[in-house]
PDB file of N, CA and C in Angstrom:
ATOM      1  N   MET A   1      86.002 105.855 100.744  1.00  0.00           N
ATOM      2  CA  MET A   1      86.335 106.674  99.179  1.00  0.00           C
ATOM      3  C   MET A   1      85.905 105.246  98.225  1.00  0.00           C
ATOM      4  N   SER A   2      85.434 105.115  97.200  1.00  0.00           N
ATOM      5  CA  SER A   2      85.451 103.805  96.320  1.00  0.00           C
ATOM      6  C   SER A   2      86.413 103.300  95.326  1.00  0.00           C
ATOM      7  N   LEU A   3      86.618 102.376  95.211  1.00  0.00           N
ATOM      8  CA  LEU A   3      87.473 101.989  93.747  1.00  0.00           C
ATOM      9  C   LEU A   3      87.347 103.189  93.032  1.00  0.00           C
ATOM     10  N   ASN A   4      86.762 103.231  92.586  1.00  0.00           N
ATOM     11  CA  ASN A   4      86.416 104.219  91.035  1.00  0.00           C
ATOM     12  C   ASN A   4      87.175 105.668  91.544  1.00  0.00           C
ATOM     13  N   GLU A   5      86.423 106.183  92.775  1.00  0.00           N
ATOM     14  CA  GLU A   5      87.119 107.186  93.140  1.00  0.00           C
ATOM     15  C   GLU A   5      88.665 107.265  93.433  1.00  0.00           C
ATOM     16  N   SER A   6      88.739 106.440  94.450  1.00  0.00           N
ATOM     17  CA  SER A   6      90.377 106.479  94.332  1.00  0.00           C
ATOM     18  C   SER A   6      91.059 106.517  92.971  1.00  0.00           C
ATOM     19  N   ILE A   7      91.271 106.043  91.851  1.00  0.00           N
ATOM     20  CA  ILE A   7      91.764 105.676  90.930  1.00  0.00           C
ATOM     21  C   ILE A   7      92.119 107.134  90.146  1.00  0.00           C
ATOM     22  N   VAL A   8      90.233 107.226  89.601  1.00  0.00           N
ATOM     23  CA  VAL A   8      90.311 108.700  89.705  1.00  0.00           C
ATOM     24  C   VAL A   8      91.217 110.282  90.390  1.00  0.00           C
ATOM     25  N   GLU A   9      90.878 110.148  91.449  1.00  0.00           N
ATOM     26  CA  GLU A   9      92.163 110.855  92.704  1.00  0.00           C
ATOM     27  C   GLU A   9      93.372 110.817  92.345  1.00  0.00           C
ATOM     28  N   ASP A  10      93.671 109.461  92.587  1.00  0.00           N
ATOM     29  CA  ASP A  10      95.049 109.329  91.621  1.00  0.00           C
ATOM     30  C   ASP A  10      95.375 109.338  90.703  1.00  0.00           C
ATOM     31  N   ALA A  11      95.367 109.296  89.839  1.00  0.00           N
ATOM     32  CA  ALA A  11      95.364 109.493  87.703  1.00  0.00           C
ATOM     33  C   ALA A  11      95.439 111.058  88.272  1.00  0.00           C
ATOM     34  N   THR A  12      94.427 111.645  88.221  1.00  0.00           N
ATOM     35  CA  THR A  12      93.608 113.055  87.562  1.00  0.00           C
ATOM     36  C   THR A  12      94.255 114.611  88.688  1.00  0.00           C
ATOM     37  N   LEU A  13      95.007 114.294  89.686  1.00  0.00           N
ATOM     38  CA  LEU A  13      95.927 114.880  90.466  1.00  0.00           C
ATOM     39  C   LEU A  13      96.880 115.605  89.859  1.00  0.00           C
ATOM     40  N   GLU A  14      96.980 116.551  89.790  1.00  0.00           N
ATOM     41  CA  GLU A  14      97.721 117.497  88.901  1.00  0.00           C
ATOM     42  C   GLU A  14      98.792 117.797  89.806  1.00  0.00           C
ATOM     43  N   THR A  15      98.928 116.763  90.022  1.00  0.00           N
ATOM     44  CA  THR A  15     100.800 116.871  90.570  1.00  0.00           C
ATOM     45  C   THR A  15     102.126 116.106  89.553  1.00  0.00           C
ATOM     46  N   PRO A  16     103.455 116.406  90.186  1.00  0.00           N
ATOM     47  CA  PRO A  16     104.168 115.507  89.633  1.00  0.00           C
ATOM     48  C   PRO A  16     104.073 114.254  89.245  1.00  0.00           C
ATOM     49  N   ARG A  17     103.417 113.594  90.148  1.00  0.00           N
ATOM     50  CA  ARG A  17     103.398 112.215  89.459  1.00  0.00           C
ATOM     51  C   ARG A  17     102.015 112.030  88.867  1.00  0.00           C
ATOM     52  N   ALA A  18     101.424 113.020  88.784  1.00  0.00           N
ATOM     53  CA  ALA A  18     100.145 112.774  87.629  1.00  0.00           C
ATOM     54  C   ALA A  18     100.053 113.409  86.510  1.00  0.00           C
ATOM     55  N   SER A  19     101.297 113.656  86.026  1.00  0.00           N
ATOM     56  CA  SER A  19     101.881 114.556  84.444  1.00  0.00           C
ATOM     57  C   SER A  19     102.559 113.702  83.689  1.00  0.00           C
ATOM     58  N   GLY A  20     101.836 113.964  82.242  1.00  0.00           N
ATOM     59  CA  GLY A  20     102.280 113.170  81.181  1.00  0.00           C
ATOM     60  C   GLY A  20     101.646 112.248  80.636  1.00  0.00           C
ATOM     61  N   PRO A  21     102.164 111.864  79.507  1.00  0.00           N
ATOM     62  CA  PRO A  21     101.431 110.668  78.577  1.00  0.00           C
ATOM     63  C   PRO A  21     100.516 109.774  79.777  1.00  0.00           C
ATOM     64  N   PRO A  22     100.724 108.660  80.364  1.00  0.00           N
ATOM     65  CA  PRO A  22     100.082 108.172  82.042  1.00  0.00           C
ATOM     66  C   PRO A  22      98.962 108.734  82.071  1.00  0.00           C
ATOM     67  N   ALA A  23      99.241 109.876  82.877  1.00  0.00           N
ATOM     68  CA  ALA A  23      97.913 111.172  83.109  1.00  0.00           C
ATOM     69  C   ALA A  23      97.209 111.208  82.380  1.00  0.00           C
ATOM     70  N   SER A  24      97.624 111.223  81.168  1.00  0.00           N
ATOM     71  CA  SER A  24      96.829 111.683  79.705  1.00  0.00           C
ATOM     72  C   SER A  24      95.796 110.568  79.342  1.00  0.00           C
ATOM     73  N   PHE A  25      96.759 109.164  79.583  1.00  0.00           N
ATOM     74  CA  PHE A  25      95.778 107.977  78.958  1.00  0.00           C
ATOM     75  C   PHE A  25      94.829 107.856  79.921  1.00  0.00           C
ATOM     76  N   LEU A  26      95.216 107.885  81.260  1.00  0.00           N
ATOM     77  CA  LEU A  26      94.418 107.295  82.193  1.00  0.00           C
ATOM     78  C   LEU A  26      93.086 108.034  82.149  1.00  0.00           C
ATOM     79  N   SER A  27      93.539 109.343  82.294  1.00  0.00           N
ATOM     80  CA  SER A  27      92.174 110.537  81.918  1.00  0.00           C
ATOM     81  C   SER A  27      90.918 110.137  80.865  1.00  0.00           C
ATOM     82  N   ASP A  28      91.453 110.085  79.669  1.00  0.00           N
ATOM     83  CA  ASP A  28      90.703 109.733  78.703  1.00  0.00           C
ATOM     84  C   ASP A  28      90.504 108.217  78.535  1.00  0.00           C
ATOM     85  N   LEU A  29      90.795 107.684  79.610  1.00  0.00           N
ATOM     86  CA  LEU A  29      90.148 105.851  79.758  1.00  0.00           C
ATOM     87  C   LEU A  29      89.064 106.417  80.818  1.00  0.00           C
ATOM     88  N   ILE A  30      89.121 107.146  81.924  1.00  0.00           N
ATOM     89  CA  ILE A  30      88.386 107.403  82.613  1.00  0.00           C
ATOM     90  C   ILE A  30      86.982 108.331  81.794  1.00  0.00           C
ATOM     91  N   ASP A  31      87.253 109.501  81.316  1.00  0.00           N
ATOM     92  CA  ASP A  31      86.013 109.291  80.041  1.00  0.00           C
ATOM     93  C   ASP A  31      85.227 108.586  79.835  1.00  0.00           C
ATOM     94  N   ALA A  32      86.237 107.721  78.501  1.00  0.00           N
ATOM     95  CA  ALA A  32      85.428 106.759  78.062  1.00  0.00           C
ATOM     96  C   ALA A  32      84.464 105.790  78.566  1.00  0.00           C
ATOM     97  N   CYS A  33      85.079 105.513  80.260  1.00  0.00           N
ATOM     98  CA  CYS A  33      84.396 104.786  80.834  1.00  0.00           C
ATOM     99  C   CYS A  33      83.069 105.534  81.283  1.00  0.00           C
ATOM    100  N   VAL A  34      82.894 106.640  81.406  1.00  0.00           N
ATOM    101  CA  VAL A  34      81.829 107.345  81.539  1.00  0.00           C
ATOM    102  C   VAL A  34      80.580 107.629  80.491  1.00  0.00           C
ATOM    103  N   MET A  35      81.464 107.678  79.346  1.00  0.00           N
ATOM    104  CA  MET A  35      80.652 107.746  78.463  1.00  0.00           C
ATOM    105  C   MET A  35      79.741 106.831  77.857  1.00  0.00           C
ATOM    106  N   GLU A  36      80.463 105.394  78.986  1.00  0.00           N
ATOM    107  CA  GLU A  36      79.570 103.667  78.376  1.00  0.00           C
ATOM    108  C   GLU A  36      78.982 103.700  78.981  1.00  0.00           C
ATOM    109  N   CYS A  37      78.659 104.711  80.378  1.00  0.00           N
ATOM    110  CA  CYS A  37      77.339 105.006  81.590  1.00  0.00           C
ATOM    111  C   CYS A  37      76.859 105.569  80.776  1.00  0.00           C
ATOM    112  N   TYR A  38      76.418 106.272  80.226  1.00  0.00           N
ATOM    113  CA  TYR A  38      75.523 106.915  79.525  1.00  0.00           C
ATOM    114  C   TYR A  38      75.076 106.489  77.978  1.00  0.00           C
ATOM    115  N   PHE A  39      76.393 106.033  76.950  1.00  0.00           N
ATOM    116  CA  PHE A  39      76.160 106.084  75.868  1.00  0.00           C
ATOM    117  C   PHE A  39      76.320 103.880  75.500  1.00  0.00           C
ATOM    118  N   ARG A  40      75.616 103.269  76.421  1.00  0.00           N
ATOM    119  CA  ARG A  40      76.667 102.272  76.383  1.00  0.00           C
ATOM    120  C   ARG A  40      75.856 101.811  74.354  1.00  0.00           C
ATOM    121  N   GLU A  41      74.335 101.759  74.708  1.00  0.00           N
ATOM    122  CA  GLU A  41      74.614 101.272  73.117  1.00  0.00           C
ATOM    123  C   GLU A  41      75.111 101.548  71.985  1.00  0.00           C
ATOM    124  N   GLN A  42      75.179 102.859  71.876  1.00  0.00           N
ATOM    125  CA  GLN A  42      76.404 103.165  71.088  1.00  0.00           C
ATOM    126  C   GLN A  42      77.411 103.033  70.737  1.00  0.00           C
ATOM    127  N   MET A  43      77.905 102.746  71.674  1.00  0.00           N
ATOM    128  CA  MET A  43      79.832 102.110  71.960  1.00  0.00           C
ATOM    129  C   MET A  43      79.519 100.955  72.035  1.00  0.00           C
ATOM    130  N   LEU A  44      78.588  99.748  71.938  1.00  0.00           N
ATOM    131  CA  LEU A  44      78.827  98.474  71.900  1.00  0.00           C
ATOM    132  C   LEU A  44      78.310  98.289  70.341  1.00  0.00           C
ATOM    133  N   GLN A  45      77.246  98.990  69.496  1.00  0.00           N
ATOM    134  CA  GLN A  45      77.731  98.949  67.881  1.00  0.00           C
ATOM    135  C   GLN A  45      78.594  98.566  67.877  1.00  0.00           C
ATOM    136  N   ARG A  46      79.278  99.846  68.265  1.00  0.00           N
ATOM    137  CA  ARG A  46      81.242 100.354  67.532  1.00  0.00           C
ATOM    138  C   ARG A  46      81.999  99.216  68.575  1.00  0.00           C
ATOM    139  N   ASP A  47      82.252  98.422  68.780  1.00  0.00           N
ATOM    140  CA  ASP A  47      82.663  97.906  69.558  1.00  0.00           C
ATOM    141  C   ASP A  47      84.030  98.596  70.460  1.00  0.00           C
ATOM    142  N   LEU A  48      83.037  99.902  71.248  1.00  0.00           N
ATOM    143  CA  LEU A  48      84.030 100.533  71.890  1.00  0.00           C
ATOM    144  C   LEU A  48      83.840 100.322  73.694  1.00  0.00           C
ATOM    145  N   LEU A  49      83.397  98.977  73.993  1.00  0.00           N
ATOM    146  CA  LEU A  49      82.994  99.034  75.653  1.00  0.00           C
ATOM    147  C   LEU A  49      84.131  98.828  75.957  1.00  0.00           C
ATOM    148  N   PHE A  50      84.110  99.072  77.510  1.00  0.00           N
ATOM    149  CA  PHE A  50      85.376  98.981  78.484  1.00  0.00           C
ATOM    150  C   PHE A  50      85.136  98.768  79.909  1.00  0.00           C
ATOM    151  N   HIS A  51      84.425  98.686  80.141  1.00  0.00           N
ATOM    152  CA  HIS A  51      84.366  98.517  81.604  1.00  0.00           C
ATOM    153  C   HIS A  51      84.257  96.976  81.965  1.00  0.00           C
ATOM    154  N   ASP A  52      84.204  95.880  81.241  1.00  0.00           N
ATOM    155  CA  ASP A  52      83.910  94.551  81.651  1.00  0.00           C
ATOM    156  C   ASP A  52      85.511  94.099  81.051  1.00  0.00           C
ATOM    157  N   THR A  53      86.603  94.876  79.890  1.00  0.00           N
ATOM    158  CA  THR A  53      87.968  94.645  79.634  1.00  0.00           C
ATOM    159  C   THR A  53      88.240  95.025  81.017  1.00  0.00           C
ATOM    160  N   LEU A  54      88.093  96.020  81.773  1.00  0.00           N
ATOM    161  CA  LEU A  54      88.812  97.228  82.162  1.00  0.00           C
ATOM    162  C   LEU A  54      88.885  96.210  83.608  1.00  0.00           C
ATOM    163  N   ALA A  55      87.830  96.203  84.137  1.00  0.00           N
ATOM    164  CA  ALA A  55      87.947  95.433  85.343  1.00  0.00           C
ATOM    165  C   ALA A  55      88.552  94.543  85.347  1.00  0.00           C
ATOM    166  N   PRO A  56      88.707  93.349  85.318  1.00  0.00           N
ATOM    167  CA  PRO A  56      90.468  92.368  85.625  1.00  0.00           C
ATOM    168  C   PRO A  56      91.458  93.301  85.996  1.00  0.00           C
ATOM    169  N   HIS A  57      92.119  94.112  85.153  1.00  0.00           N
ATOM    170  CA  HIS A  57      93.038  95.198  86.063  1.00  0.00           C
ATOM    171  C   HIS A  57      92.563  96.174  86.853  1.00  0.00           C
ATOM    172  N   VAL A  58      91.784  96.426  87.645  1.00  0.00           N
ATOM    173  CA  VAL A  58      91.664  97.475  88.490  1.00  0.00           C
ATOM    174  C   VAL A  58      91.342  96.202  89.922  1.00  0.00           C
ATOM    175  N   ALA A  59      91.318  95.364  89.138  1.00  0.00           N
ATOM    176  CA  ALA A  59      90.546  94.668  90.716  1.00  0.00           C
ATOM    177  C   ALA A  59      91.351  94.350  91.643  1.00  0.00           C
ATOM    178  N   ALA A  60      92.810  94.382  91.647  1.00  0.00           N
ATOM    179  CA  ALA A  60      93.949  94.355  92.369  1.00  0.00           C
ATOM    180  C   ALA A  60      94.812  95.546  92.650  1.00  0.00           C
ATOM    181  N   TYR A  61      93.838  96.871  92.723  1.00  0.00           N
ATOM    182  CA  TYR A  61      93.919  98.579  93.286  1.00  0.00           C
ATOM    183  C   TYR A  61      93.692  98.515  94.342  1.00  0.00           C
ATOM    184  N   ALA A  62      94.366  98.866  95.928  1.00  0.00           N
ATOM    185  CA  ALA A  62      94.958  98.756  96.784  1.00  0.00           C
ATOM    186  C   ALA A  62      94.565 100.576  97.386  1.00  0.00           C
ATOM    187  N   PRO A  63      93.469 101.313  97.537  1.00  0.00           N
ATOM    188  CA  PRO A  63      93.828 102.457  97.974  1.00  0.00           C
ATOM    189  C   PRO A  63      94.066 102.845  99.403  1.00  0.00           C
ATOM    190  N   GLU A  64      94.370 101.470  99.832  1.00  0.00           N
ATOM    191  CA  GLU A  64      94.785 101.916 101.486  1.00  0.00           C
ATOM    192  C   GLU A  64      96.328 101.579 101.270  1.00  0.00           C
ATOM    193  N   ALA A  65      96.857 101.369 100.025  1.00  0.00           N
ATOM    194  CA  ALA A  65      98.613 101.186  99.944  1.00  0.00           C
ATOM    195  C   ALA A  65      99.322 102.393 100.307  1.00  0.00           C
ATOM    196  N   SER A  66     100.407 102.665 100.441  1.00  0.00           N
ATOM    197  CA  SER A  66     100.947 104.148  99.897  1.00  0.00           C
ATOM    198  C   SER A  66     101.126 104.170  98.851  1.00  0.00           C
ATOM    199  N   GLU A  67     101.660 105.243  98.973  1.00  0.00           N
ATOM    200  CA  GLU A  67     101.751 106.151  97.626  1.00  0.00           C
ATOM    201  C   GLU A  67     102.646 105.851  96.443  1.00  0.00           C
ATOM    202  N   ALA A  68     103.413 105.318  96.859  1.00  0.00           N
ATOM    203  CA  ALA A  68     104.373 104.669  96.444  1.00  0.00           C
ATOM    204  C   ALA A  68     103.955 104.062  95.533  1.00  0.00           C
ATOM    205  N   GLN A  69     103.304 102.477  95.703  1.00  0.00           N
ATOM    206  CA  GLN A  69     102.617 101.454  95.624  1.00  0.00           C
ATOM    207  C   GLN A  69     101.373 102.101  94.562  1.00  0.00           C
ATOM    208  N   GLN A  70     100.495 102.925  94.975  1.00  0.00           N
ATOM    209  CA  GLN A  70      99.755 103.381  94.243  1.00  0.00           C
ATOM    210  C   GLN A  70      99.876 103.865  92.724  1.00  0.00           C
ATOM    211  N   ARG A  71     101.396 105.005  92.792  1.00  0.00           N
ATOM    212  CA  ARG A  71     101.922 105.016  91.842  1.00  0.00           C
ATOM    213  C   ARG A  71     102.298 104.366  90.562  1.00  0.00           C
ATOM    214  N   ASP A  72     103.207 102.833  91.502  1.00  0.00           N
ATOM    215  CA  ASP A  72     103.312 101.616  90.851  1.00  0.00           C
ATOM    216  C   ASP A  72     102.276 101.386  89.992  1.00  0.00           C
ATOM    217  N   PHE A  73     100.931 101.239  90.507  1.00  0.00           N
ATOM    218  CA  PHE A  73     100.041 100.395  90.230  1.00  0.00           C
ATOM    219  C   PHE A  73      99.377 100.508  88.723  1.00  0.00           C
ATOM    220  N   LEU A  74      99.303 102.719  88.962  1.00  0.00           N
ATOM    221  CA  LEU A  74      99.445 103.114  88.117  1.00  0.00           C
ATOM    222  C   LEU A  74      99.531 103.331  87.198  1.00  0.00           C
ATOM    223  N   THR A  75     101.057 103.280  86.859  1.00  0.00           N
ATOM    224  CA  THR A  75     102.299 103.159  85.745  1.00  0.00           C
ATOM    225  C   THR A  75     102.209 101.650  85.252  1.00  0.00           C
ATOM    226  N   ARG A  76     102.228 100.450  86.053  1.00  0.00           N
ATOM    227  CA  ARG A  76     102.189  99.124  85.489  1.00  0.00           C
ATOM    228  C   ARG A  76     100.869  99.269  84.592  1.00  0.00           C
ATOM    229  N   LEU A  77      99.377  99.987  85.466  1.00  0.00           N
ATOM    230  CA  LEU A  77      98.268  99.789  84.591  1.00  0.00           C
ATOM    231  C   LEU A  77      98.781 100.348  83.157  1.00  0.00           C
ATOM    232  N   HIS A  78      98.700 101.619  82.945  1.00  0.00           N
ATOM    233  CA  HIS A  78      99.156 102.634  81.673  1.00  0.00           C
ATOM    234  C   HIS A  78     100.381 101.515  81.319  1.00  0.00           C
ATOM    235  N   GLN A  79     101.138 101.005  81.891  1.00  0.00           N
ATOM    236  CA  GLN A  79     101.847 100.438  80.353  1.00  0.00           C
ATOM    237  C   GLN A  79     101.199  98.717  79.386  1.00  0.00           C
ATOM    238  N   THR A  80     100.622  98.189  80.604  1.00  0.00           N
ATOM    239  CA  THR A  80      99.802  97.160  80.360  1.00  0.00           C
ATOM    240  C   THR A  80      98.481  97.836  79.255  1.00  0.00           C
ATOM    241  N   LEU A  81      97.514  98.586  79.302  1.00  0.00           N
ATOM    242  CA  LEU A  81      96.317  99.121  78.791  1.00  0.00           C
ATOM    243  C   LEU A  81      96.407  99.474  77.944  1.00  0.00           C
ATOM    244  N   ASN A  82      98.355 100.358  77.734  1.00  0.00           N
ATOM    245  CA  ASN A  82      98.502 101.431  76.600  1.00  0.00           C
ATOM    246  C   ASN A  82      99.507 100.011  75.540  1.00  0.00           C
ATOM    247  N   ALA A  83      99.552  98.881  75.999  1.00  0.00           N
ATOM    248  CA  ALA A  83     100.642  98.310  74.799  1.00  0.00           C
ATOM    249  C   ALA A  83      99.888  98.105  73.558  1.00  0.00           C
ATOM    250  N   PRO A  84     100.767  98.286  72.685  1.00  0.00           N
ATOM    251  CA  PRO A  84     100.231  98.489  71.414  1.00  0.00           C
ATOM    252  C   PRO A  84      99.020  97.419  70.585  1.00  0.00           C
ATOM    253  N   SER A  85      99.050  96.106  71.345  1.00  0.00           N
ATOM    254  CA  SER A  85      98.216  95.612  70.569  1.00  0.00           C
ATOM    255  C   SER A  85      96.984  94.856  71.426  1.00  0.00           C
ATOM    256  N   HIS A  86      96.600  95.974  72.929  1.00  0.00           N
ATOM    257  CA  HIS A  86      95.938  95.612  73.717  1.00  0.00           C
ATOM    258  C   HIS A  86      94.756  96.061  73.347  1.00  0.00           C
ATOM    259  N   PRO A  87      93.157  95.658  73.916  1.00  0.00           N
ATOM    260  CA  PRO A  87      91.877  96.349  72.838  1.00  0.00           C
ATOM    261  C   PRO A  87      92.080  97.734  73.635  1.00  0.00           C
ATOM    262  N   ILE A  88      92.469  97.909  75.290  1.00  0.00           N
ATOM    263  CA  ILE A  88      91.285  98.997  75.650  1.00  0.00           C
ATOM    264  C   ILE A  88      92.245  99.934  74.781  1.00  0.00           C
ATOM    265  N   ARG A  89      93.706 100.486  74.940  1.00  0.00           N
ATOM    266  CA  ARG A  89      94.146 101.508  73.532  1.00  0.00           C
ATOM    267  C   ARG A  89      93.679 101.135  72.656  1.00  0.00           C
ATOM    268  N   ASN A  90      93.345 100.437  71.693  1.00  0.00           N
ATOM    269  CA  ASN A  90      93.073 100.443  70.215  1.00  0.00           C
ATOM    270  C   ASN A  90      91.402 100.811  70.560  1.00  0.00           C
ATOM    271  N   ARG A  91      90.525 100.892  71.328  1.00  0.00           N
ATOM    272  CA  ARG A  91      88.972 101.361  71.431  1.00  0.00           C
ATOM    273  C   ARG A  91      89.744 103.032  71.815  1.00  0.00           C
ATOM    274  N   LEU A  92      90.463 103.434  72.979  1.00  0.00           N
ATOM    275  CA  LEU A  92      90.225 105.031  72.965  1.00  0.00           C
ATOM    276  C   LEU A  92      90.829 105.404  71.644  1.00  0.00           C
ATOM    277  N   LEU A  93      91.673 104.701  70.968  1.00  0.00           N
ATOM    278  CA  LEU A  93      92.111 105.611  69.432  1.00  0.00           C
ATOM    279  C   LEU A  93      91.114 105.400  68.417  1.00  0.00           C
ATOM    280  N   ARG A  94      89.632 104.890  68.746  1.00  0.00           N
ATOM    281  CA  ARG A  94      89.190 104.888  67.655  1.00  0.00           C
ATOM    282  C   ARG A  94      87.996 105.864  67.951  1.00  0.00           C
ATOM    283  N   LEU A  95      87.942 105.590  69.741  1.00  0.00           N
ATOM    284  CA  LEU A  95      86.772 105.941  69.817  1.00  0.00           C
ATOM    285  C   LEU A  95      86.084 107.600  69.419  1.00  0.00           C
ATOM    286  N   THR A  96      86.671 108.277  68.730  1.00  0.00           N
ATOM    287  CA  THR A  96      86.186 109.397  67.904  1.00  0.00           C
ATOM    288  C   THR A  96      85.929 109.307  66.585  1.00  0.00           C
ATOM    289  N   ALA A  97      86.628 108.493  66.009  1.00  0.00           N
ATOM    290  CA  ALA A  97      87.005 108.608  64.671  1.00  0.00           C
ATOM    291  C   ALA A  97      85.104 107.450  64.188  1.00  0.00           C
ATOM    292  N   ASP A  98      85.005 106.524  65.629  1.00  0.00           N
ATOM    293  CA  ASP A  98      83.819 105.758  65.249  1.00  0.00           C
ATOM    294  C   ASP A  98      82.667 106.047  65.297  1.00  0.00           C
ATOM    295  N   SER A  99      82.510 107.291  66.076  1.00  0.00           N
ATOM    296  CA  SER A  99      82.003 108.027  66.523  1.00  0.00           C
ATOM    297  C   SER A  99      81.507 108.837  66.900  1.00  0.00           C
ATOM    298  N   PRO A 100      81.862 109.963  65.304  1.00  0.00           N
ATOM    299  CA  PRO A 100      82.546 111.430  65.173  1.00  0.00           C
ATOM    300  C   PRO A 100      80.731 112.452  65.322  1.00  0.00           C
ATOM    301  N   ASP A 101      79.920 111.493  65.285  1.00  0.00           N
ATOM    302  CA  ASP A 101      78.789 113.004  65.654  1.00  0.00           C
ATOM    303  C   ASP A 101      77.932 112.683  66.805  1.00  0.00           C
ATOM    304  N   LEU A 102      79.057 112.055  68.168  1.00  0.00           N
ATOM    305  CA  LEU A 102      78.406 112.039  69.375  1.00  0.00           C
ATOM    306  C   LEU A 102      79.870 111.945  70.475  1.00  0.00           C
ATOM    307  N   LEU A 103      80.732 110.974  70.270  1.00  0.00           N
ATOM    308  CA  LEU A 103      81.912 111.098  71.204  1.00  0.00           C
ATOM    309  C   LEU A 103      82.276 111.600  70.882  1.00  0.00           C
ATOM    310  N   ALA A 104      83.013 112.192  69.648  1.00  0.00           N
ATOM    311  CA  ALA A 104      83.730 113.237  69.557  1.00  0.00           C
ATOM    312  C   ALA A 104      83.187 114.189  69.979  1.00  0.00           C
ATOM    313  N   VAL A 105      81.853 114.624  69.266  1.00  0.00           N
ATOM    314  CA  VAL A 105      81.946 116.234  70.256  1.00  0.00           C
ATOM    315  C   VAL A 105      81.829 116.162  71.414  1.00  0.00           C
ATOM    316  N   ILE A 106      81.529 115.098  72.518  1.00  0.00           N
ATOM    317  CA  ILE A 106      81.513 115.363  73.810  1.00  0.00           C
ATOM    318  C   ILE A 106      83.115 115.418  73.660  1.00  0.00           C
ATOM    319  N   LYS A 107      83.563 114.597  73.647  1.00  0.00           N
ATOM    320  CA  LYS A 107      85.339 114.598  73.612  1.00  0.00           C
ATOM    321  C   LYS A 107      85.800 116.416  73.338  1.00  0.00           C
ATOM    322  N   GLN A 108      85.708 116.470  72.336  1.00  0.00           N
ATOM    323  CA  GLN A 108      85.736 118.367  71.739  1.00  0.00           C
ATOM    324  C   GLN A 108      85.557 119.150  72.991  1.00  0.00           C
ATOM    325  N   GLU A 109      83.975 118.950  73.123  1.00  0.00           N
ATOM    326  CA  GLU A 109      83.411 120.208  74.022  1.00  0.00           C
ATOM    327  C   GLU A 109      84.254 119.989  75.705  1.00  0.00           C
ATOM    328  N   GLY A 110      84.917 118.890  75.702  1.00  0.00           N
ATOM    329  CA  GLY A 110      85.484 119.243  77.180  1.00  0.00           C
ATOM    330  C   GLY A 110      85.378 117.570  77.864  1.00  0.00           C
ATOM    331  N   LYS A 111      85.677 117.621  79.078  1.00  0.00           N
ATOM    332  CA  LYS A 111      85.828 116.616  79.926  1.00  0.00           C
ATOM    333  C   LYS A 111      84.477 116.363  80.171  1.00  0.00           C
ATOM    334  N   VAL A 112      83.959 114.859  80.491  1.00  0.00           N
ATOM    335  CA  VAL A 112      82.511 113.786  80.168  1.00  0.00           C
ATOM    336  C   VAL A 112      82.123 114.724  81.401  1.00  0.00           C
TER     337      VAL A 112
END
């Protein structure tokens, strides 16, 4: 299983450990990263890129770690990336407002 598959699985499983604001935030972040794969130029023009900013934060993810350690990692990741001054949080908040004709429509229609 790849790093991305592990994080997606851990962040989106419908279990008590993946509910509430952290799971929602991580799900939105995953959606934004997928959108960047398809609409990089659109997002670049609006300073809405995520991959390069996110990469150093997920580099320490250990899929072989215990469930408790993985949960702690995701909790810390959420706390860090969702801090009021963090660029990831700010880009997520601007995503649909800065691209109402494309990214907002995709987000409104459902999961990427």
